[in-house]
Amino acid sequence: MKIKINGEAQEIPEGLNVTAMLEHLGMGNKRVAIERNLDILPRTEWNATAVQANDTFEIVHFVGGG
């Protein structure tokens, strides 16, 4: 199924929730914020949110340092 992540088209398997999508893409989920279809997606909803064809995600990784 086709989705868009950070402006780039991606092909992922059907039936994934947001947590499984992050795992499939090899992204850690500890320091990540997600926007799905222009709405912020709270971490508490990741497991219950099924990824749908044509969804658009913006995924931001937080980096520590000084």
N, C-alpha and C. Protein backbone atom coordinates (compact mmCIF):
# COMPACT_ATOMS: atom_id res chain seq x y z
N MET A 1 0.85 -1.16 0.00
CA MET A 1 0.00 0.00 0.00
C MET A 1 0.90 1.23 0.00
N LYS A 2 0.44 2.28 -0.66
CA LYS A 2 1.24 3.50 -0.77
C LYS A 2 0.82 4.52 0.28
N ILE A 3 1.83 5.11 0.91
CA ILE A 3 1.65 6.22 1.84
C ILE A 3 2.75 7.24 1.55
N LYS A 4 2.69 8.37 2.21
CA LYS A 4 3.73 9.38 2.07
C LYS A 4 4.32 9.64 3.44
N ILE A 5 5.64 9.64 3.52
CA ILE A 5 6.35 9.93 4.77
C ILE A 5 7.34 11.04 4.50
N ASN A 6 7.18 12.14 5.22
CA ASN A 6 8.05 13.31 5.07
C ASN A 6 8.19 13.72 3.60
N GLY A 7 7.05 13.68 2.88
CA GLY A 7 7.03 14.13 1.50
C GLY A 7 7.45 13.11 0.46
N GLU A 8 7.85 11.91 0.90
CA GLU A 8 8.31 10.89 -0.04
C GLU A 8 7.35 9.71 -0.06
N ALA A 9 7.02 9.23 -1.25
CA ALA A 9 6.15 8.06 -1.39
C ALA A 9 6.87 6.82 -0.85
N GLN A 10 6.13 6.02 -0.10
CA GLN A 10 6.66 4.77 0.46
C GLN A 10 5.66 3.66 0.19
N GLU A 11 6.14 2.47 0.04
CA GLU A 11 5.30 1.29 -0.11
C GLU A 11 5.47 0.45 1.14
N ILE A 12 4.36 0.17 1.85
CA ILE A 12 4.42 -0.65 3.06
C ILE A 12 3.36 -1.74 2.98
N PRO A 13 3.50 -2.81 3.76
CA PRO A 13 2.47 -3.85 3.77
C PRO A 13 1.16 -3.33 4.37
N GLU A 14 0.06 -3.91 3.97
CA GLU A 14 -1.24 -3.56 4.55
C GLU A 14 -1.35 -4.17 5.94
N GLY A 15 -2.24 -3.59 6.75
CA GLY A 15 -2.54 -4.15 8.06
C GLY A 15 -1.65 -3.69 9.19
N LEU A 16 -0.81 -2.68 8.96
CA LEU A 16 0.08 -2.19 10.01
C LEU A 16 -0.59 -1.07 10.80
N ASN A 17 -0.29 -1.04 12.12
CA ASN A 17 -0.65 0.14 12.89
C ASN A 17 0.57 1.06 12.86
N VAL A 18 0.48 2.21 13.47
CA VAL A 18 1.57 3.19 13.40
C VAL A 18 2.84 2.65 14.04
N THR A 19 2.73 1.97 15.17
CA THR A 19 3.92 1.39 15.82
C THR A 19 4.59 0.38 14.92
N ALA A 20 3.81 -0.50 14.30
CA ALA A 20 4.36 -1.51 13.40
C ALA A 20 4.97 -0.87 12.15
N MET A 21 4.39 0.23 11.68
CA MET A 21 4.94 0.94 10.54
C MET A 21 6.34 1.47 10.86
N LEU A 22 6.49 2.06 12.05
CA LEU A 22 7.80 2.56 12.46
C LEU A 22 8.82 1.43 12.51
N GLU A 23 8.42 0.29 13.06
CA GLU A 23 9.31 -0.87 13.11
C GLU A 23 9.66 -1.35 11.70
N HIS A 24 8.67 -1.43 10.83
CA HIS A 24 8.90 -1.86 9.45
C HIS A 24 9.89 -0.94 8.73
N LEU A 25 9.80 0.34 9.00
CA LEU A 25 10.68 1.31 8.35
C LEU A 25 12.04 1.43 9.03
N GLY A 26 12.22 0.72 10.15
CA GLY A 26 13.49 0.76 10.86
C GLY A 26 13.70 2.04 11.65
N MET A 27 12.62 2.70 12.00
CA MET A 27 12.71 3.93 12.78
C MET A 27 12.47 3.61 14.25
N GLY A 28 13.29 4.16 15.11
CA GLY A 28 13.04 4.01 16.53
C GLY A 28 11.81 4.82 16.91
N ASN A 29 11.18 4.44 18.00
CA ASN A 29 9.97 5.17 18.39
C ASN A 29 10.11 5.87 19.73
N LYS A 30 11.32 5.95 20.26
CA LYS A 30 11.52 6.58 21.56
C LYS A 30 11.42 8.10 21.50
N ARG A 31 12.09 8.72 20.56
CA ARG A 31 12.13 10.18 20.46
C ARG A 31 11.58 10.63 19.13
N VAL A 32 10.31 10.29 18.91
CA VAL A 32 9.67 10.56 17.64
C VAL A 32 8.33 11.26 17.88
N ALA A 33 8.02 12.23 17.05
CA ALA A 33 6.69 12.84 17.03
C ALA A 33 6.10 12.59 15.65
N ILE A 34 4.81 12.33 15.61
CA ILE A 34 4.17 11.97 14.35
C ILE A 34 2.95 12.85 14.09
N GLU A 35 2.88 13.33 12.86
CA GLU A 35 1.70 14.01 12.37
C GLU A 35 1.11 13.13 11.27
N ARG A 36 -0.17 12.81 11.40
CA ARG A 36 -0.85 11.97 10.40
C ARG A 36 -1.96 12.78 9.76
N ASN A 37 -1.90 12.93 8.47
CA ASN A 37 -2.92 13.68 7.72
C ASN A 37 -3.21 15.05 8.36
N LEU A 38 -2.12 15.75 8.67
CA LEU A 38 -2.14 17.12 9.20
C LEU A 38 -2.58 17.24 10.66
N ASP A 39 -2.75 16.12 11.36
CA ASP A 39 -3.09 16.14 12.79
C ASP A 39 -2.01 15.45 13.59
N ILE A 40 -1.64 16.06 14.73
CA ILE A 40 -0.68 15.41 15.62
C ILE A 40 -1.30 14.12 16.13
N LEU A 41 -0.52 13.04 16.11
CA LEU A 41 -1.00 11.74 16.57
C LEU A 41 -0.34 11.43 17.91
N PRO A 42 -1.09 11.49 19.00
CA PRO A 42 -0.51 11.20 20.31
C PRO A 42 0.05 9.77 20.38
N ARG A 43 1.14 9.63 21.07
CA ARG A 43 1.78 8.31 21.22
C ARG A 43 0.80 7.27 21.76
N THR A 44 -0.12 7.67 22.61
CA THR A 44 -1.08 6.73 23.20
C THR A 44 -2.02 6.14 22.15
N GLU A 45 -2.08 6.74 20.97
CA GLU A 45 -2.96 6.25 19.91
C GLU A 45 -2.24 5.46 18.82
N TRP A 46 -0.93 5.33 18.90
CA TRP A 46 -0.16 4.67 17.84
C TRP A 46 -0.60 3.22 17.63
N ASN A 47 -0.78 2.47 18.72
CA ASN A 47 -1.14 1.05 18.57
C ASN A 47 -2.56 0.87 18.04
N ALA A 48 -3.43 1.82 18.30
CA ALA A 48 -4.82 1.70 17.89
C ALA A 48 -5.10 2.34 16.53
N THR A 49 -4.09 2.97 15.93
CA THR A 49 -4.29 3.67 14.66
C THR A 49 -3.76 2.84 13.50
N ALA A 50 -4.68 2.36 12.68
CA ALA A 50 -4.30 1.60 11.49
C ALA A 50 -3.82 2.55 10.40
N VAL A 51 -2.74 2.17 9.74
CA VAL A 51 -2.24 2.95 8.62
C VAL A 51 -3.12 2.62 7.41
N GLN A 52 -3.60 3.66 6.74
CA GLN A 52 -4.48 3.51 5.59
C GLN A 52 -3.77 3.96 4.31
N ALA A 53 -4.17 3.39 3.19
CA ALA A 53 -3.62 3.80 1.90
C ALA A 53 -3.79 5.31 1.75
N ASN A 54 -2.77 5.94 1.22
CA ASN A 54 -2.73 7.38 0.94
C ASN A 54 -2.62 8.26 2.19
N ASP A 55 -2.38 7.66 3.37
CA ASP A 55 -2.08 8.48 4.54
C ASP A 55 -0.80 9.27 4.29
N THR A 56 -0.72 10.42 4.91
CA THR A 56 0.47 11.26 4.84
C THR A 56 1.00 11.46 6.25
N PHE A 57 2.27 11.13 6.45
CA PHE A 57 2.91 11.25 7.76
C PHE A 57 4.08 12.22 7.70
N GLU A 58 4.20 13.00 8.72
CA GLU A 58 5.42 13.77 8.97
C GLU A 58 5.98 13.20 10.26
N ILE A 59 7.19 12.71 10.21
CA ILE A 59 7.83 12.07 11.36
C ILE A 59 9.08 12.86 11.72
N VAL A 60 9.14 13.31 12.95
CA VAL A 60 10.25 14.11 13.43
C VAL A 60 11.00 13.35 14.51
N HIS A 61 12.32 13.24 14.36
CA HIS A 61 13.17 12.62 15.36
C HIS A 61 13.79 13.70 16.22
N PHE A 62 13.72 13.55 17.52
CA PHE A 62 14.35 14.50 18.43
C PHE A 62 15.76 14.01 18.71
N VAL A 63 16.71 14.93 18.66
CA VAL A 63 18.10 14.62 18.87
C VAL A 63 18.62 15.40 20.06
N GLY A 64 19.26 14.70 20.99
CA GLY A 64 19.84 15.38 22.15
C GLY A 64 21.24 15.86 21.83
N GLY A 65 21.74 16.69 22.66
CA GLY A 65 23.11 17.18 22.44
C GLY A 65 23.27 18.56 23.03
N GLY A 66 24.41 19.09 22.81
CA GLY A 66 24.62 20.42 23.38
C GLY A 66 25.59 21.23 22.62
